[in-house]
Amino acid sequence: GRIDAAAAVGAPSCKNPADIDLSGSIDTNDFFAFLTAYQAGEASADFEPDGVSNTNDFFAYLAAYGAGC
C-alpha cells in the first residue's frame, strides 16, 4: 500500500477549522485563541467569512469546536 508522507511525519490530522493553533487537536488553547481574536475584532475571528465579526461567528466557532476532530 501507499504511505501518506504527511501522516508518517506526524502532521496534524485535525481538519476542523476550530483547530486555530493547528496542533492536530481541538482544546482550550484553540478556544482562547479564537476568543482573544474575537474580542480584539481581528479578521481571523470572522469564522463565517462574511466580512464582519459578530455573534454569528462566535456561535459558528462554538459549533465547530463542539464537533471536535
N, C-alpha and C. Protein backbone atom coordinates (compact mmCIF):
# COMPACT_ATOMS: atom_id res chain seq x y z
N GLY A 1 0.80 -1.18 0.00
CA GLY A 1 0.00 0.00 0.00
C GLY A 1 0.85 1.25 0.00
N ARG A 2 0.18 2.32 -0.26
CA ARG A 2 0.83 3.62 -0.33
C ARG A 2 0.90 4.26 1.05
N ILE A 3 2.01 4.87 1.40
CA ILE A 3 2.19 5.53 2.68
C ILE A 3 2.00 7.03 2.51
N ASP A 4 1.18 7.62 3.35
CA ASP A 4 0.96 9.07 3.35
C ASP A 4 2.14 9.71 4.07
N ALA A 5 2.99 10.42 3.34
CA ALA A 5 4.20 11.01 3.91
C ALA A 5 3.88 12.01 5.01
N ALA A 6 2.84 12.81 4.85
CA ALA A 6 2.48 13.80 5.88
C ALA A 6 2.08 13.10 7.17
N ALA A 7 1.31 12.04 7.07
CA ALA A 7 0.90 11.30 8.26
C ALA A 7 2.10 10.61 8.90
N ALA A 8 3.02 10.16 8.07
CA ALA A 8 4.18 9.44 8.58
C ALA A 8 5.08 10.33 9.43
N VAL A 9 5.11 11.61 9.16
CA VAL A 9 5.97 12.51 9.93
C VAL A 9 5.21 13.22 11.05
N GLY A 10 3.99 12.78 11.31
CA GLY A 10 3.24 13.32 12.43
C GLY A 10 2.55 14.64 12.14
N ALA A 11 2.16 14.89 10.91
CA ALA A 11 1.44 16.12 10.57
C ALA A 11 0.10 16.13 11.30
N PRO A 12 -0.37 17.31 11.69
CA PRO A 12 -1.66 17.39 12.36
C PRO A 12 -2.76 16.74 11.53
N SER A 13 -3.63 16.00 12.20
CA SER A 13 -4.66 15.28 11.48
C SER A 13 -6.03 15.94 11.57
N CYS A 14 -6.17 16.99 12.35
CA CYS A 14 -7.46 17.63 12.52
C CYS A 14 -7.75 18.55 11.34
N LYS A 15 -8.86 18.31 10.68
CA LYS A 15 -9.24 19.14 9.53
C LYS A 15 -10.31 20.15 9.91
N ASN A 16 -10.64 20.25 11.19
CA ASN A 16 -11.67 21.17 11.67
C ASN A 16 -11.07 22.57 11.79
N PRO A 17 -11.70 23.59 11.21
CA PRO A 17 -11.17 24.95 11.31
C PRO A 17 -11.14 25.49 12.74
N ALA A 18 -11.79 24.82 13.68
CA ALA A 18 -11.73 25.24 15.08
C ALA A 18 -10.36 24.96 15.69
N ASP A 19 -9.52 24.19 15.00
CA ASP A 19 -8.14 23.94 15.44
C ASP A 19 -7.30 25.15 15.07
N ILE A 20 -7.49 26.23 15.79
CA ILE A 20 -6.86 27.52 15.49
C ILE A 20 -5.34 27.43 15.50
N ASP A 21 -4.78 26.71 16.47
CA ASP A 21 -3.32 26.65 16.58
C ASP A 21 -2.69 25.53 15.75
N LEU A 22 -3.51 24.83 14.96
CA LEU A 22 -3.04 23.78 14.05
C LEU A 22 -2.23 22.69 14.76
N SER A 23 -2.64 22.37 15.99
CA SER A 23 -1.93 21.37 16.77
C SER A 23 -2.36 19.94 16.43
N GLY A 24 -3.44 19.80 15.67
CA GLY A 24 -3.93 18.48 15.34
C GLY A 24 -5.03 18.02 16.26
N SER A 25 -5.38 18.85 17.23
CA SER A 25 -6.49 18.55 18.12
C SER A 25 -7.17 19.86 18.50
N ILE A 26 -8.36 19.74 19.02
CA ILE A 26 -9.10 20.93 19.45
C ILE A 26 -9.16 20.92 20.97
N ASP A 27 -8.67 21.99 21.57
CA ASP A 27 -8.64 22.07 23.02
C ASP A 27 -8.84 23.51 23.48
N THR A 28 -8.66 23.76 24.76
CA THR A 28 -8.90 25.10 25.30
C THR A 28 -7.96 26.14 24.71
N ASN A 29 -6.78 25.73 24.28
CA ASN A 29 -5.87 26.69 23.64
C ASN A 29 -6.51 27.28 22.39
N ASP A 30 -7.20 26.45 21.63
CA ASP A 30 -7.89 26.92 20.42
C ASP A 30 -9.03 27.86 20.80
N PHE A 31 -9.79 27.48 21.81
CA PHE A 31 -10.91 28.31 22.23
C PHE A 31 -10.44 29.70 22.67
N PHE A 32 -9.39 29.74 23.50
CA PHE A 32 -8.91 31.03 23.97
C PHE A 32 -8.25 31.84 22.86
N ALA A 33 -7.62 31.19 21.90
CA ALA A 33 -7.06 31.90 20.75
C ALA A 33 -8.17 32.56 19.94
N PHE A 34 -9.26 31.81 19.72
CA PHE A 34 -10.40 32.39 19.00
C PHE A 34 -11.00 33.53 19.80
N LEU A 35 -11.21 33.31 21.10
CA LEU A 35 -11.83 34.33 21.94
C LEU A 35 -11.01 35.61 21.96
N THR A 36 -9.70 35.49 22.02
CA THR A 36 -8.82 36.67 22.01
C THR A 36 -8.97 37.43 20.70
N ALA A 37 -8.97 36.70 19.58
CA ALA A 37 -9.14 37.34 18.26
C ALA A 37 -10.52 37.98 18.15
N TYR A 38 -11.53 37.30 18.65
CA TYR A 38 -12.90 37.81 18.60
C TYR A 38 -13.04 39.11 19.39
N GLN A 39 -12.51 39.10 20.60
CA GLN A 39 -12.60 40.30 21.45
C GLN A 39 -11.82 41.47 20.87
N ALA A 40 -10.74 41.17 20.15
CA ALA A 40 -9.92 42.22 19.54
C ALA A 40 -10.49 42.68 18.20
N GLY A 41 -11.52 41.99 17.71
CA GLY A 41 -12.11 42.35 16.42
C GLY A 41 -11.24 42.00 15.24
N GLU A 42 -10.37 41.01 15.40
CA GLU A 42 -9.46 40.62 14.33
C GLU A 42 -10.20 39.88 13.21
N ALA A 43 -9.70 40.02 12.01
CA ALA A 43 -10.31 39.37 10.85
C ALA A 43 -10.33 37.86 11.00
N SER A 44 -9.37 37.30 11.72
CA SER A 44 -9.33 35.84 11.90
C SER A 44 -10.53 35.32 12.69
N ALA A 45 -11.24 36.21 13.39
CA ALA A 45 -12.43 35.81 14.15
C ALA A 45 -13.69 35.81 13.28
N ASP A 46 -13.56 36.17 12.02
CA ASP A 46 -14.69 36.15 11.09
C ASP A 46 -14.86 34.70 10.64
N PHE A 47 -15.38 33.86 11.53
CA PHE A 47 -15.46 32.42 11.32
C PHE A 47 -16.46 32.05 10.23
N GLU A 48 -17.48 32.87 10.04
CA GLU A 48 -18.38 32.75 8.90
C GLU A 48 -17.97 33.88 7.97
N PRO A 49 -17.07 33.63 7.07
CA PRO A 49 -16.45 34.72 6.30
C PRO A 49 -17.45 35.58 5.53
N ASP A 50 -17.98 36.57 6.24
CA ASP A 50 -18.93 37.48 5.60
C ASP A 50 -18.49 38.94 5.74
N GLY A 51 -17.24 39.12 6.18
CA GLY A 51 -16.68 40.47 6.26
C GLY A 51 -16.87 41.16 7.59
N VAL A 52 -17.62 40.55 8.52
CA VAL A 52 -17.80 41.13 9.85
C VAL A 52 -17.63 40.05 10.90
N SER A 53 -17.15 40.46 12.05
CA SER A 53 -17.02 39.55 13.18
C SER A 53 -18.12 39.90 14.16
N ASN A 54 -19.04 38.95 14.35
CA ASN A 54 -20.18 39.21 15.23
C ASN A 54 -20.57 37.92 15.96
N THR A 55 -21.73 37.95 16.64
CA THR A 55 -22.13 36.78 17.41
C THR A 55 -22.35 35.54 16.54
N ASN A 56 -22.70 35.73 15.28
CA ASN A 56 -22.84 34.57 14.39
C ASN A 56 -21.53 33.82 14.27
N ASP A 57 -20.41 34.55 14.21
CA ASP A 57 -19.09 33.92 14.14
C ASP A 57 -18.79 33.18 15.43
N PHE A 58 -19.13 33.78 16.55
CA PHE A 58 -18.89 33.15 17.85
C PHE A 58 -19.64 31.82 17.95
N PHE A 59 -20.91 31.83 17.58
CA PHE A 59 -21.70 30.60 17.66
C PHE A 59 -21.27 29.57 16.62
N ALA A 60 -20.83 30.01 15.46
CA ALA A 60 -20.32 29.09 14.45
C ALA A 60 -19.04 28.43 14.95
N TYR A 61 -18.19 29.22 15.62
CA TYR A 61 -16.96 28.63 16.19
C TYR A 61 -17.31 27.61 17.26
N LEU A 62 -18.25 27.96 18.14
CA LEU A 62 -18.63 27.02 19.19
C LEU A 62 -19.16 25.72 18.61
N ALA A 63 -19.93 25.78 17.54
CA ALA A 63 -20.44 24.57 16.90
C ALA A 63 -19.29 23.73 16.35
N ALA A 64 -18.34 24.37 15.69
CA ALA A 64 -17.18 23.63 15.14
C ALA A 64 -16.33 23.07 16.27
N TYR A 65 -16.14 23.85 17.31
CA TYR A 65 -15.36 23.42 18.47
C TYR A 65 -16.00 22.17 19.10
N GLY A 66 -17.31 22.21 19.24
CA GLY A 66 -18.03 21.08 19.83
C GLY A 66 -17.99 19.83 18.97
N ALA A 67 -17.83 20.01 17.66
CA ALA A 67 -17.79 18.86 16.76
C ALA A 67 -16.49 18.08 16.91
N GLY A 68 -15.43 18.73 17.37
CA GLY A 68 -14.15 18.06 17.55
C GLY A 68 -13.50 17.64 16.26
N CYS A 69 -12.49 16.81 16.38
CA CYS A 69 -11.75 16.32 15.21
C CYS A 69 -12.22 14.95 14.80
